[in-house]
N, C-alpha and C. Protein backbone atom coordinates (compact mmCIF):
# COMPACT_ATOMS: atom_id res chain seq x y z
N MET A 1 0.85 -0.71 -0.26
CA MET A 1 -0.22 0.38 0.24
C MET A 1 1.17 1.25 0.06
N GLU A 2 0.36 2.16 -1.27
CA GLU A 2 1.41 3.28 -0.69
C GLU A 2 1.41 4.19 0.32
N ALA A 3 2.32 5.34 0.69
CA ALA A 3 1.98 5.65 1.77
C ALA A 3 0.43 6.82 2.40
N ARG A 4 0.25 7.17 1.38
CA ARG A 4 -0.27 8.21 1.47
C ARG A 4 -1.87 7.41 1.34
N GLU A 5 -1.78 6.81 0.79
CA GLU A 5 -3.15 5.92 1.20
C GLU A 5 -3.31 5.47 2.23
N ARG A 6 -1.96 5.09 3.54
CA ARG A 6 -1.30 3.93 4.66
C ARG A 6 -1.81 4.82 5.73
N VAL A 7 -1.85 6.44 5.59
CA VAL A 7 -1.94 7.66 6.07
C VAL A 7 -3.18 8.77 6.37
N GLN A 8 -4.19 8.17 4.92
CA GLN A 8 -5.31 8.23 4.37
C GLN A 8 -6.56 7.18 5.34
N GLU A 9 -5.84 6.01 5.30
CA GLU A 9 -7.00 5.28 5.68
C GLU A 9 -6.33 4.94 7.23
N TRP A 10 -5.46 5.41 7.53
CA TRP A 10 -5.29 5.12 9.37
C TRP A 10 -5.96 6.58 9.95
N ILE A 11 -5.99 7.40 9.82
CA ILE A 11 -6.75 8.84 9.50
C ILE A 11 -8.72 8.77 9.64
N GLN A 12 -9.32 7.87 8.42
CA GLN A 12 -10.50 7.56 8.33
C GLN A 12 -11.16 6.60 9.16
N SER A 13 -9.89 5.26 9.56
CA SER A 13 -10.39 4.73 10.96
C SER A 13 -10.30 5.08 12.34
N THR A 14 -9.30 6.21 12.35
CA THR A 14 -9.41 6.02 13.86
C THR A 14 -9.77 7.58 14.43
N PHE A 15 -10.22 8.53 13.13
CA PHE A 15 -11.33 9.62 13.19
C PHE A 15 -12.74 10.24 13.15
N ASP A 16 -13.53 10.93 13.61
CA ASP A 16 -14.71 10.44 13.48
C ASP A 16 -14.68 11.82 11.54
N ILE A 17 -14.77 11.29 11.54
CA ILE A 17 -14.80 12.33 9.97
C ILE A 17 -14.93 13.63 9.80
N GLU A 18 -16.95 12.79 10.60
CA GLU A 18 -17.83 14.42 10.38
C GLU A 18 -17.40 15.49 11.22
N HIS A 19 -16.25 15.21 12.25
CA HIS A 19 -16.26 15.60 13.39
C HIS A 19 -14.84 16.52 13.14
N VAL A 20 -14.59 16.58 11.82
CA VAL A 20 -12.74 16.77 12.42
C VAL A 20 -12.61 17.45 10.54
N THR A 21 -11.85 18.38 10.43
CA THR A 21 -11.11 19.11 9.28
C THR A 21 -9.81 18.65 8.75
N LEU A 22 -9.84 17.99 7.50
CA LEU A 22 -8.29 18.05 7.25
C LEU A 22 -7.49 18.99 6.43
N GLN A 23 -6.59 18.87 6.69
CA GLN A 23 -5.39 20.53 5.95
C GLN A 23 -4.24 20.10 5.91
N ARG A 24 -3.65 19.78 4.92
CA ARG A 24 -2.60 19.01 3.97
C ARG A 24 -1.35 20.00 4.95
N ASP A 25 0.02 18.93 5.47
CA ASP A 25 0.83 20.07 6.11
C ASP A 25 1.91 19.01 5.13
N ASP A 26 2.31 20.33 4.73
CA ASP A 26 3.46 19.78 3.57
C ASP A 26 5.23 19.66 4.53
N SER A 27 5.55 19.98 5.61
CA SER A 27 7.13 19.82 6.52
C SER A 27 6.62 18.93 7.14
N VAL A 28 5.98 17.79 6.84
CA VAL A 28 6.15 15.83 6.85
C VAL A 28 5.88 15.32 5.71
N PRO A 29 5.82 13.96 5.49
CA PRO A 29 6.33 13.46 4.45
C PRO A 29 4.65 13.53 4.59
N TYR A 30 3.35 13.69 3.03
CA TYR A 30 2.11 13.42 3.46
C TYR A 30 1.83 13.42 4.22
N GLY A 31 1.69 14.14 5.25
CA GLY A 31 1.74 15.10 6.23
C GLY A 31 -0.39 15.93 5.70
N GLN A 32 -1.31 15.43 7.27
CA GLN A 32 -1.98 16.35 7.75
C GLN A 32 -2.10 16.33 8.73
N ARG A 33 -3.13 17.32 8.88
CA ARG A 33 -3.86 17.73 9.77
C ARG A 33 -4.83 17.48 10.45
N VAL A 34 -4.76 16.92 11.37
CA VAL A 34 -6.91 16.66 11.81
C VAL A 34 -7.32 17.51 12.87
N TRP A 35 -7.83 18.61 13.03
CA TRP A 35 -8.27 19.44 12.96
C TRP A 35 -9.77 19.19 13.32
N SER A 36 -9.89 19.17 15.32
CA SER A 36 -10.65 19.02 15.92
C SER A 36 -12.19 20.56 15.81
N LYS A 37 -13.30 19.75 15.03
CA LYS A 37 -14.31 20.86 14.67
C LYS A 37 -15.14 21.57 15.64
N LYS A 38 -14.76 20.78 17.56
CA LYS A 38 -15.37 21.38 18.56
C LYS A 38 -14.28 22.66 18.82
N ASP A 39 -13.15 21.75 18.79
CA ASP A 39 -11.62 22.79 20.01
C ASP A 39 -10.70 22.45 18.44
N ASN A 40 -9.85 24.18 19.42
CA ASN A 40 -9.14 24.38 18.57
C ASN A 40 -7.39 24.00 18.58
N ASP A 41 -7.87 22.20 18.31
CA ASP A 41 -7.18 21.83 18.42
C ASP A 41 -6.78 20.81 17.36
N TYR A 42 -5.61 20.06 17.11
CA TYR A 42 -4.84 19.25 16.15
C TYR A 42 -3.64 18.06 16.46
N ALA A 43 -4.40 16.89 15.51
CA ALA A 43 -3.09 15.92 15.67
C ALA A 43 -2.20 16.24 14.32
N ILE A 44 -0.90 15.58 14.04
CA ILE A 44 -0.38 15.80 12.62
C ILE A 44 -0.13 14.16 12.50
N VAL A 45 -1.01 14.27 11.45
CA VAL A 45 -0.99 12.59 11.08
C VAL A 45 -0.07 12.33 9.63
N PHE A 46 1.17 12.09 9.40
CA PHE A 46 2.73 11.83 8.35
C PHE A 46 2.79 10.69 8.11
N PHE A 47 3.59 10.40 7.65
CA PHE A 47 4.74 8.75 7.21
C PHE A 47 6.39 9.49 7.16
N ASP A 48 6.60 8.30 8.05
CA ASP A 48 8.04 8.19 8.89
C ASP A 48 8.62 7.24 7.40
N GLU A 49 9.48 8.00 6.75
CA GLU A 49 9.96 6.81 5.79
C GLU A 49 10.94 6.25 6.19
N PRO A 50 12.51 6.32 8.08
CA PRO A 50 13.00 5.60 7.97
C PRO A 50 12.27 4.37 8.30
N SER A 51 10.97 4.02 8.99
CA SER A 51 10.71 3.66 10.00
C SER A 51 9.70 2.85 8.83
N ASP A 52 8.83 3.25 8.13
CA ASP A 52 8.25 2.53 6.81
C ASP A 52 6.99 2.32 8.19
N GLN A 53 6.57 3.90 8.22
CA GLN A 53 5.66 3.69 9.49
C GLN A 53 4.32 4.54 9.42
N VAL A 54 3.11 4.88 9.57
CA VAL A 54 2.45 5.87 9.57
C VAL A 54 2.78 6.59 10.95
N MET A 55 2.94 8.11 11.11
CA MET A 55 3.22 8.19 12.07
C MET A 55 2.03 9.31 13.27
N CYS A 56 1.77 10.10 14.07
CA CYS A 56 0.66 10.53 14.66
C CYS A 56 1.55 11.22 15.61
N SER A 57 1.57 12.77 15.86
CA SER A 57 2.00 13.50 16.35
C SER A 57 0.94 14.50 16.96
N PHE A 58 0.96 15.23 17.65
CA PHE A 58 0.10 16.19 18.88
C PHE A 58 0.42 17.84 18.80
N LYS A 59 0.08 18.33 17.63
CA LYS A 59 0.46 19.93 17.46
C LYS A 59 2.15 19.76 17.81
N GLU A 60 2.39 19.50 17.63
CA GLU A 60 4.71 19.96 17.73
C GLU A 60 5.03 18.84 17.43
N LEU A 61 5.43 18.45 16.66
CA LEU A 61 6.21 17.24 16.37
C LEU A 61 7.23 16.77 17.16
N GLU A 62 7.82 17.95 17.74
CA GLU A 62 8.75 17.76 19.33
C GLU A 62 8.89 16.86 20.03
N GLN A 63 7.03 17.32 20.60
CA GLN A 63 7.17 16.71 22.19
C GLN A 63 6.28 15.62 21.90
N LEU A 64 5.36 14.61 20.75
CA LEU A 64 5.44 13.04 21.63
C LEU A 64 5.84 13.39 20.29
N CYS A 65 6.04 11.52 19.51
CA CYS A 65 5.16 11.02 17.51
C CYS A 65 5.29 9.55 18.37
N PHE A 66 3.37 8.94 17.78
CA PHE A 66 3.71 7.83 17.74
C PHE A 66 3.31 7.06 16.57
N ARG A 67 4.36 5.73 16.71
CA ARG A 67 4.01 5.22 15.46
C ARG A 67 2.38 4.11 15.55
N VAL A 68 1.69 4.84 14.81
CA VAL A 68 0.51 4.32 14.64
C VAL A 68 -0.09 2.55 13.57
N ASP A 69 0.90 2.85 12.75
CA ASP A 69 0.86 2.04 11.30
C ASP A 69 -0.09 0.66 11.72
N PRO A 70 0.52 -0.05 13.11
CA PRO A 70 0.29 -1.52 13.05
C PRO A 70 -1.10 -1.09 13.39
N ILE A 71 -1.79 -0.23 14.13
CA ILE A 71 -3.39 -0.48 14.08
C ILE A 71 -4.32 -0.22 12.07
N VAL A 72 -3.50 0.36 11.44
CA VAL A 72 -4.03 -0.02 9.83
C VAL A 72 -4.03 -1.72 9.51
N GLU A 73 -2.79 -2.10 10.07
CA GLU A 73 -2.10 -3.55 9.27
C GLU A 73 -3.11 -4.34 10.60
N GLN A 74 -3.68 -4.14 11.34
CA GLN A 74 -4.76 -5.35 12.17
C GLN A 74 -5.82 -4.39 11.66
N ALA A 75 -6.10 -3.85 11.13
CA ALA A 75 -7.59 -3.63 10.52
C ALA A 75 -7.67 -4.12 8.38
N GLU A 76 -6.43 -4.15 8.03
CA GLU A 76 -6.03 -5.13 7.11
C GLU A 76 -6.53 -6.64 7.42
N ILE A 77 -6.28 -6.96 8.16
CA ILE A 77 -5.78 -8.04 8.31
C ILE A 77 -7.64 -8.95 8.79
N HIS A 78 -8.02 -8.11 9.80
CA HIS A 78 -9.58 -8.86 9.68
C HIS A 78 -10.81 -8.22 8.45
N GLN A 79 -10.05 -7.42 7.68
CA GLN A 79 -11.32 -7.89 5.99
C GLN A 79 -11.03 -8.98 5.12
């Protein structure tokens, strides 16, 4: 699966798309800012090429980054 598709699939499987707004974030590979429509808060979802995984960070990339791709891989196994 292509990196861009993996990022989009993880976003759709994790967030209620009706309650978020997506905005492209060119500071990271295939980056998407996922904005909450209720709060002024967002997560950055992107593809980490060295680890070949989708990652998620909250507001600033320097704070915390989580490898999240295994969740997508689990969803693919169960389909």
